[in-house]
């Protein structure tokens, strides 16, 4: 006869409620670990998906994710001319917050180098990659748009041609993927009043320059948008990404590009380190601390629960001792119940988490490694938590059973 099973059957209601409470607490621990993993995956998502060997950004910056980076579009042709590089393309990335249907819309905009990159590598759940250079957009499903829906960004309207999954920024914002030219149009869009004031300022400054007074027809050119003025360069891009030919010495190529005076260059691994040690480092460490604290709190609560359950059985334990039951039988009963509570709580946490985690605002990534680690921690907590109850049970004297 197993005393642990008999005791559980006798107090099945209390035991079940206790297991549910422990399960909910362990679900929070599991969720915190999943959010920690999700934060890291979101931060390095684009770098891993694009899978380029080198990132060329503005000199003395850590762009394009850690801080703002601006490089000219012509940098692409300079990079392509470097021996060992087989492809180079533009990269534009920025975050916007606009209004859509009366609600705030926060979106990270990723610009693809058309027509080299049409987004075939994106994990589409419906729709298709970009087929035109303008006015098409692929969105992450977290943004809540439907296929073929119209989105007004700036002065233009974009049609949703594809919906992807899991494409979010390090801040958890869903991505909108367009071409580089469209992403620049969205980024540098200005309202009509701002354009009018800019033109007035140009005309005012032109009145002080002799060349405009001698050639009045030049003043007419000042009415055009800044992007159409020949003396003004085209809008900048965030970075240039490059892939190397097999067998190329990446250190030599990196050293050559770094010798240019206007850019900095990072490898894929260095760009990941910049993200993890810069943008998300504090959040990552804070989540790690919360996870540790929750694990300690779970251990303390389980110890108190098991101690309370032991106190309720003191009379029964004294009676068992009076009948001649050895200490190892009582110890085994308490230890088995503690492990059973921990395992049941773990199973409940796993089942509840699978149902609830998809609805969390941030992505929750649960790996098999984390699940195994948590299971071992739960077993260790169960054994350690039972020690307090075992200590109290061992101090019970058999004569206490005769005291009522």
Protein backbone atom coordinates (compact mmCIF):
# COMPACT_ATOMS: atom_id res chain seq x y z
CA UNK A 1 0.00 0.00 0.00
CA UNK A 2 1.38 3.38 -1.01
CA UNK A 3 0.67 5.90 1.76
CA UNK A 4 1.28 8.90 -0.54
CA UNK A 5 -1.41 7.77 -2.99
CA UNK A 6 -3.86 7.01 -0.18
CA UNK A 7 -3.31 10.44 1.37
CA UNK A 8 -3.81 12.15 -2.01
CA UNK A 9 -7.05 10.22 -2.58
CA UNK A 10 -8.25 11.26 0.85
CA UNK A 11 -7.52 14.97 0.14
CA UNK A 12 -7.92 15.04 -3.63
CA UNK A 13 -9.61 18.47 -3.70
CA UNK A 14 -6.94 20.25 -1.68
CA UNK A 15 -4.16 18.45 -3.54
CA UNK A 16 -5.62 19.40 -6.96
CA UNK A 17 -6.08 23.07 -6.05
CA UNK A 18 -2.54 23.20 -4.70
CA UNK A 19 -1.20 21.67 -7.92
CA UNK A 20 -3.13 24.24 -10.01
CA UNK A 21 -1.70 27.10 -7.92
CA UNK A 22 1.83 25.78 -8.29
CA UNK A 23 1.21 25.25 -12.02
CA UNK A 24 0.14 28.86 -12.53
CA UNK A 25 3.21 30.05 -10.68
CA UNK A 26 5.47 27.82 -12.78
CA UNK A 27 3.71 29.06 -15.92
CA UNK A 28 4.88 32.59 -15.07
CA UNK A 29 8.45 31.31 -14.63
CA UNK A 30 8.17 29.47 -17.96
CA UNK A 31 6.70 32.56 -19.64
CA UNK A 32 9.46 34.79 -18.34
CA UNK A 33 12.06 32.44 -19.82
CA UNK A 34 10.11 32.44 -23.10
CA UNK A 35 9.94 36.24 -23.21
CA UNK A 36 13.70 36.32 -22.54
CA UNK A 37 14.29 34.00 -25.50
CA UNK A 38 11.81 35.90 -27.65
CA UNK A 39 13.54 39.20 -26.96
CA UNK A 40 16.85 37.80 -28.19
CA UNK A 41 15.29 36.22 -31.29
CA UNK A 42 13.40 39.41 -32.18
CA UNK A 43 16.56 41.49 -31.81
CA UNK A 44 18.59 39.30 -34.16
CA UNK A 45 15.73 38.31 -36.47
CA UNK A 46 16.56 40.48 -39.49
CA UNK A 47 20.29 39.79 -39.27
CA UNK A 48 19.71 36.04 -39.29
CA UNK A 49 17.00 36.09 -41.96
CA UNK A 50 18.90 38.31 -44.39
CA UNK A 51 22.13 36.40 -43.70
CA UNK A 52 24.66 38.85 -45.14
CA UNK A 53 28.36 38.68 -44.37
CA UNK A 54 29.07 42.40 -43.94
CA UNK A 55 27.10 45.45 -42.81
CA UNK A 56 28.49 48.81 -43.99
CA UNK A 57 27.14 51.79 -42.03
CA UNK A 58 27.86 55.46 -41.39
CA UNK A 59 31.32 56.17 -39.95
CA UNK A 60 31.58 56.04 -36.13
CA UNK A 61 28.02 54.76 -35.70
CA UNK A 62 26.68 51.38 -34.60
CA UNK A 63 23.78 51.42 -37.05
CA UNK A 64 21.41 50.64 -38.50
CA UNK A 65 19.66 49.12 -35.45
CA UNK A 66 21.55 50.42 -32.42
CA UNK A 67 21.49 54.02 -33.69
CA UNK A 68 20.68 56.07 -36.79
CA UNK A 69 22.92 55.51 -39.80
CA UNK A 70 22.93 57.47 -43.08
CA UNK A 71 25.01 56.48 -46.10
CA UNK A 72 24.60 57.52 -49.76
CA UNK A 73 22.97 55.16 -52.25
CA UNK A 74 26.10 55.28 -54.40
CA UNK A 75 27.96 53.37 -51.67
CA UNK A 76 26.47 50.20 -53.15
CA UNK A 77 28.56 50.57 -56.31
CA UNK A 78 31.75 51.19 -54.33
CA UNK A 79 31.16 48.06 -52.27
CA UNK A 80 30.40 45.97 -55.36
CA UNK A 81 33.81 46.91 -56.77
CA UNK A 82 35.67 45.41 -53.78
CA UNK A 83 37.39 42.11 -54.70
CA UNK A 84 35.70 39.12 -53.07
CA UNK A 85 32.22 40.63 -52.82
CA UNK A 86 29.64 38.91 -55.03
CA UNK A 87 26.62 41.05 -54.15
CA UNK A 88 25.80 44.31 -52.39
CA UNK A 89 22.44 45.95 -51.92
CA UNK A 90 20.71 48.79 -50.12
CA UNK A 91 19.18 48.39 -46.69
CA UNK A 92 16.67 50.78 -45.14
CA UNK A 93 15.12 50.28 -41.71
CA UNK A 94 13.17 52.69 -39.53
CA UNK A 95 10.14 52.85 -37.24
CA UNK A 96 7.04 54.98 -37.76
CA UNK A 97 3.96 55.71 -35.69
CA UNK A 98 0.93 56.92 -37.61
CA UNK A 99 -2.87 56.83 -37.46
CA UNK A 100 -4.91 54.17 -39.26
CA UNK A 101 -8.71 54.06 -39.00
CA UNK A 102 -8.55 56.32 -35.96
CA UNK A 103 -6.12 54.07 -34.09
CA UNK A 104 -2.36 54.46 -33.51
CA UNK A 105 -0.28 52.36 -35.89
CA UNK A 106 3.32 51.61 -34.90
CA UNK A 107 5.30 49.79 -37.57
CA UNK A 108 8.91 49.02 -38.36
CA UNK A 109 9.52 49.64 -42.07
CA UNK A 110 12.02 47.43 -43.88
CA UNK A 111 13.14 48.49 -47.37
CA UNK A 112 14.13 45.78 -49.84
CA UNK A 113 16.59 46.42 -52.66
CA UNK A 114 14.34 46.12 -55.70
CA UNK A 115 14.51 44.14 -57.99
CA UNK A 116 17.36 42.10 -56.48
CA UNK A 117 15.34 41.36 -53.36
CA UNK A 118 11.57 40.93 -53.69
CA UNK A 119 11.05 39.29 -50.31
CA UNK A 120 11.04 35.66 -51.43
CA UNK A 121 12.90 34.77 -48.22
CA UNK A 122 10.09 36.07 -46.02
CA UNK A 123 7.99 33.42 -44.19
CA UNK A 124 4.70 34.22 -45.93
CA UNK A 125 1.49 32.74 -44.52
CA UNK A 126 -0.61 34.16 -47.35
CA UNK A 127 -0.21 36.32 -50.45
CA UNK A 128 2.97 36.77 -52.47
CA UNK A 129 6.31 38.65 -52.54
CA UNK A 130 6.59 42.15 -53.98
CA UNK A 131 5.90 42.25 -57.73
CA UNK A 132 6.11 46.02 -58.29
CA UNK A 133 8.57 48.73 -57.36
CA UNK A 134 5.91 50.94 -55.81
CA UNK A 135 2.76 50.88 -53.70
CA UNK A 136 2.90 47.24 -52.52
CA UNK A 137 3.59 46.15 -48.95
CA UNK A 138 4.04 42.91 -47.05
CA UNK A 139 3.00 43.11 -43.39
CA UNK A 140 3.42 40.94 -40.33
CA UNK A 141 0.18 39.43 -39.06
CA UNK A 142 0.76 41.11 -35.67
CA UNK A 143 -0.26 44.43 -37.28
CA UNK A 144 -3.76 43.07 -37.90
CA UNK A 145 -4.10 43.91 -41.61
CA UNK A 146 -5.91 41.72 -44.12
CA UNK A 147 -4.73 40.67 -47.56
CA UNK A 148 -5.49 43.32 -50.24
CA UNK A 149 -6.23 45.94 -47.57
CA UNK A 150 -5.22 49.54 -48.34
CA UNK A 151 -2.82 51.39 -46.01
CA UNK A 152 -2.16 55.12 -46.36
CA UNK A 153 1.40 56.02 -45.40
CA UNK A 154 2.47 59.57 -46.16
CA UNK A 155 0.96 60.78 -49.40
CA UNK A 156 0.65 57.34 -50.98
CA UNK A 157 -1.62 54.34 -50.48
CA UNK A 158 -0.11 50.86 -50.31
CA UNK A 159 -1.84 47.54 -50.99
CA UNK A 160 -1.15 44.56 -48.73
CA UNK A 161 0.03 41.82 -51.12
CA UNK A 162 1.47 39.43 -48.53
CA UNK A 163 1.18 38.57 -44.85
CA UNK A 164 4.12 37.15 -42.96
CA UNK A 165 4.58 35.74 -39.47
CA UNK A 166 7.20 36.42 -36.80
CA UNK A 167 8.72 39.45 -38.54
CA UNK A 168 8.98 41.96 -35.69
CA UNK A 169 11.62 44.43 -34.52
CA UNK A 170 13.57 44.28 -31.27
CA UNK A 171 10.87 46.48 -29.76
CA UNK A 172 8.14 44.00 -30.68
CA UNK A 173 6.66 46.16 -33.45
CA UNK A 174 5.34 44.32 -36.48
CA UNK A 175 7.17 44.97 -39.75
CA UNK A 176 5.96 46.42 -43.01
CA UNK A 177 8.17 45.38 -45.92
CA UNK A 178 8.33 47.61 -49.00
CA UNK A 179 10.93 48.55 -51.60
CA UNK A 180 13.80 50.89 -50.71
CA UNK A 181 12.32 53.77 -52.71
CA UNK A 182 8.96 53.43 -51.00
CA UNK A 183 10.55 53.15 -47.55
CA UNK A 184 12.44 56.39 -48.20
CA UNK A 185 9.24 58.08 -49.36
CA UNK A 186 7.57 57.02 -46.12
CA UNK A 187 10.52 58.05 -43.98
CA UNK A 188 11.10 61.50 -45.49
CA UNK A 189 7.46 62.42 -46.11
CA UNK A 190 6.59 66.03 -45.26
CA UNK A 191 3.23 67.74 -45.00
CA UNK A 192 2.27 70.43 -47.50
CA UNK A 193 2.75 73.33 -45.11
CA UNK A 194 6.31 72.21 -44.33
CA UNK A 195 7.10 72.11 -48.07
CA UNK A 196 5.64 75.58 -48.56
CA UNK A 197 7.73 77.01 -45.74
CA UNK A 198 10.85 75.33 -47.12
CA UNK A 199 10.26 76.87 -50.58
CA UNK A 200 9.70 80.30 -49.04
CA UNK A 201 12.98 79.98 -47.15
CA UNK A 202 14.79 79.09 -50.40
CA UNK A 203 13.33 82.11 -52.21
CA UNK A 204 14.33 84.36 -49.32
CA UNK A 205 17.90 83.07 -49.37
CA UNK A 206 18.06 83.32 -53.19
CA UNK A 207 17.39 87.07 -53.00
CA UNK A 208 20.75 87.43 -51.26
CA UNK A 209 22.73 85.48 -53.89
CA UNK A 210 23.94 87.23 -57.05
CA UNK A 211 23.56 84.25 -59.36
CA UNK A 212 19.80 84.11 -58.75
CA UNK A 213 19.47 87.86 -59.36
CA UNK A 214 21.35 87.55 -62.67
CA UNK A 215 19.45 84.44 -63.74
CA UNK A 216 15.86 84.78 -62.49
CA UNK A 217 14.84 81.52 -64.21
CA UNK A 218 16.82 79.62 -61.56
CA UNK A 219 14.37 80.84 -58.93
CA UNK A 220 11.65 78.81 -60.63
CA UNK A 221 13.62 75.65 -59.94
CA UNK A 222 13.42 76.32 -56.22
CA UNK A 223 9.72 75.47 -56.26
CA UNK A 224 10.46 71.81 -56.91
CA UNK A 225 10.71 69.30 -54.05
CA UNK A 226 14.16 68.91 -52.53
CA UNK A 227 14.50 65.38 -53.93
CA UNK A 228 14.23 66.79 -57.48
CA UNK A 229 16.84 69.51 -57.13
CA UNK A 230 20.03 68.52 -58.99
CA UNK A 231 22.35 70.06 -56.41
CA UNK A 232 20.89 68.01 -53.60
CA UNK A 233 21.80 64.35 -53.21
CA UNK A 234 19.16 61.61 -53.21
CA UNK A 235 17.76 60.41 -49.87
CA UNK A 236 20.24 58.40 -47.82
CA UNK A 237 19.88 54.73 -46.94
CA UNK A 238 20.51 53.07 -43.58
CA UNK A 239 23.24 50.66 -44.63
CA UNK A 240 24.69 48.52 -47.39
CA UNK A 241 24.73 44.75 -46.89
CA UNK A 242 27.21 42.57 -48.76
CA UNK A 243 27.81 38.87 -49.35
CA UNK A 244 31.23 37.37 -49.98
CA UNK A 245 32.29 34.75 -52.46
CA UNK A 246 33.16 31.34 -51.00
CA UNK A 247 36.75 31.18 -49.79
CA UNK A 248 37.15 34.95 -49.46
CA UNK A 249 39.09 36.21 -46.44
CA UNK A 250 36.45 38.27 -44.64
CA UNK A 251 39.04 40.04 -42.43
CA UNK A 252 40.89 41.42 -45.46
CA UNK A 253 37.68 42.68 -47.08
CA UNK A 254 36.54 44.23 -43.80
CA UNK A 255 39.89 45.95 -43.32
CA UNK A 256 39.80 47.36 -46.85
CA UNK A 257 36.30 48.82 -46.52
CA UNK A 258 37.05 50.13 -43.01
CA UNK A 259 39.96 52.12 -44.47
CA UNK A 260 37.45 54.35 -46.27
CA UNK A 261 36.93 57.55 -44.37
CA UNK A 262 33.13 57.69 -44.42
CA UNK A 263 31.95 54.22 -43.30
CA UNK A 264 32.28 51.59 -40.59
CA UNK A 265 31.91 47.90 -41.37
CA UNK A 266 30.72 45.04 -39.17
CA UNK A 267 30.45 41.31 -39.67
CA UNK A 268 27.21 39.45 -38.99
CA UNK A 269 28.48 38.28 -35.59
CA UNK A 270 29.58 41.81 -34.63
CA UNK A 271 26.20 43.22 -35.61
CA UNK A 272 24.47 40.65 -33.39
CA UNK A 273 26.74 41.57 -30.49
CA UNK A 274 25.94 45.26 -30.95
CA UNK A 275 22.24 44.48 -30.64
CA UNK A 276 22.48 42.13 -27.66
CA UNK A 277 25.01 44.24 -25.75
CA UNK A 278 23.44 47.56 -26.68
CA UNK A 279 19.75 47.91 -27.47
CA UNK A 280 18.34 44.92 -25.57
CA UNK A 281 21.05 44.37 -22.96
CA UNK A 282 19.24 46.02 -20.03
CA UNK A 283 15.91 44.44 -20.89
CA UNK A 284 17.61 41.05 -21.27
CA UNK A 285 19.35 41.33 -17.90
CA UNK A 286 16.17 42.54 -16.20
CA UNK A 287 14.18 39.60 -17.54
CA UNK A 288 16.93 37.28 -16.36
CA UNK A 289 16.76 38.76 -12.86
CA UNK A 290 12.97 38.45 -12.77
CA UNK A 291 13.25 34.84 -13.86
CA UNK A 292 15.71 34.08 -11.06
CA UNK A 293 13.56 35.86 -8.46
CA UNK A 294 10.42 34.03 -9.61
CA UNK A 295 12.22 30.70 -9.34
CA UNK A 296 13.33 31.50 -5.77
CA UNK A 297 9.82 32.67 -4.86
CA UNK A 298 8.35 29.47 -6.34
CA UNK A 299 10.73 27.42 -4.17
CA UNK A 300 9.75 29.34 -1.02
CA UNK A 301 6.01 29.06 -1.71
CA UNK A 302 6.27 25.34 -2.46
CA UNK A 303 8.18 24.85 0.80
CA UNK A 304 5.47 26.67 2.75
CA UNK A 305 2.70 24.71 1.01
CA UNK A 306 4.35 21.36 1.72
CA UNK A 307 5.06 22.40 5.31
CA UNK A 308 1.40 23.33 5.79
CA UNK A 309 0.26 20.02 4.32
CA UNK A 310 2.63 18.26 6.73
CA UNK A 311 1.19 20.16 9.71
CA UNK A 312 -2.28 18.93 8.76
CA UNK A 313 -1.02 15.35 8.91
CA UNK A 314 0.89 15.52 12.20
CA UNK A 315 -1.71 13.43 14.06
CA UNK A 316 -1.68 10.81 11.31
CA UNK A 317 2.12 10.76 11.29
CA UNK A 318 2.20 10.30 15.08
CA UNK A 319 -0.29 7.45 14.75
CA UNK A 320 1.85 5.78 12.10
CA UNK A 321 4.86 6.01 14.40
CA UNK A 322 2.82 4.59 17.27
CA UNK A 323 1.88 1.62 15.07
CA UNK A 324 5.57 1.03 14.34
CA UNK A 325 5.95 2.55 10.88
CA UNK A 326 9.62 3.26 10.18
CA UNK A 327 10.79 6.79 9.53
CA UNK A 328 11.70 5.98 5.92
CA UNK A 329 8.03 5.18 5.19
CA UNK A 330 6.91 8.60 6.43
CA UNK A 331 9.83 10.30 4.69
CA UNK A 332 8.97 8.51 1.45
CA UNK A 333 5.32 9.57 1.70
CA UNK A 334 6.19 13.26 2.08
CA UNK A 335 8.88 13.16 -0.60
CA UNK A 336 6.62 11.39 -3.11
CA UNK A 337 3.85 13.92 -2.52
CA UNK A 338 6.27 16.82 -3.00
CA UNK A 339 7.56 15.38 -6.30
CA UNK A 340 4.00 14.61 -7.44
CA UNK A 341 2.94 18.20 -6.72
CA UNK A 342 5.93 19.55 -8.64
CA UNK A 343 5.37 17.29 -11.66
CA UNK A 344 1.63 18.01 -11.77
CA UNK A 345 2.32 21.73 -11.47
CA UNK A 346 4.84 21.51 -14.30
CA UNK A 347 2.35 19.69 -16.57
CA UNK A 348 -0.38 22.23 -15.77
CA UNK A 349 2.06 25.10 -16.46
CA UNK A 350 3.03 23.56 -19.79
CA UNK A 351 -0.58 23.02 -20.91
CA UNK A 352 -1.77 26.47 -19.80
CA UNK A 353 1.28 28.14 -21.31
CA UNK A 354 0.72 26.54 -24.70
CA UNK A 355 -2.77 28.02 -24.72
CA UNK A 356 -2.00 31.49 -23.33
CA UNK A 357 1.47 32.42 -24.61
CA UNK A 358 0.34 33.04 -28.24
CA UNK A 359 -1.83 35.91 -26.93
CA UNK A 360 1.01 37.72 -25.16
CA UNK A 361 1.97 41.12 -26.67
CA UNK A 362 5.62 40.02 -27.01
CA UNK A 363 6.71 36.81 -28.66
CA UNK A 364 7.24 33.93 -26.22
CA UNK A 365 9.76 31.35 -27.44
CA UNK A 366 9.82 28.10 -25.46
CA UNK A 367 12.65 25.77 -26.42
CA UNK A 368 13.09 22.11 -25.48
CA UNK A 369 16.27 23.07 -23.66
CA UNK A 370 14.36 25.55 -21.47
CA UNK A 371 11.60 23.00 -20.79
CA UNK A 372 14.10 20.36 -19.69
CA UNK A 373 15.97 22.89 -17.55
CA UNK A 374 12.74 24.00 -15.85
CA UNK A 375 11.69 20.37 -15.26
CA UNK A 376 14.98 19.62 -13.50
CA UNK A 377 14.64 22.83 -11.47
CA UNK A 378 11.10 21.83 -10.45
CA UNK A 379 12.31 18.40 -9.31
CA UNK A 380 15.10 20.03 -7.30
CA UNK A 381 12.68 22.55 -5.78
CA UNK A 382 10.23 19.76 -4.90
CA UNK A 383 12.89 17.75 -3.08
CA UNK A 384 14.35 20.77 -1.28
CA UNK A 385 10.92 22.14 -0.38
CA UNK A 386 9.91 18.84 1.19
CA UNK A 387 12.85 19.01 3.62
CA UNK A 388 11.06 21.51 5.86
CA UNK A 389 8.02 19.26 6.12
CA UNK A 390 10.19 16.17 6.63
CA UNK A 391 12.10 17.96 9.39
CA UNK A 392 8.81 18.72 11.18
CA UNK A 393 7.49 15.18 10.67
CA UNK A 394 10.63 13.62 12.13
CA UNK A 395 10.12 15.64 15.34
CA UNK A 396 6.65 14.23 15.94
CA UNK A 397 6.54 11.84 18.92
CA UNK A 398 4.35 8.74 18.77
CA UNK A 399 2.67 9.73 22.05
CA UNK A 400 1.12 12.78 20.34
CA UNK A 401 -1.36 10.38 18.68
CA UNK A 402 -2.79 9.66 22.15
CA UNK A 403 -3.32 13.34 22.87
CA UNK A 404 -6.25 13.61 20.42
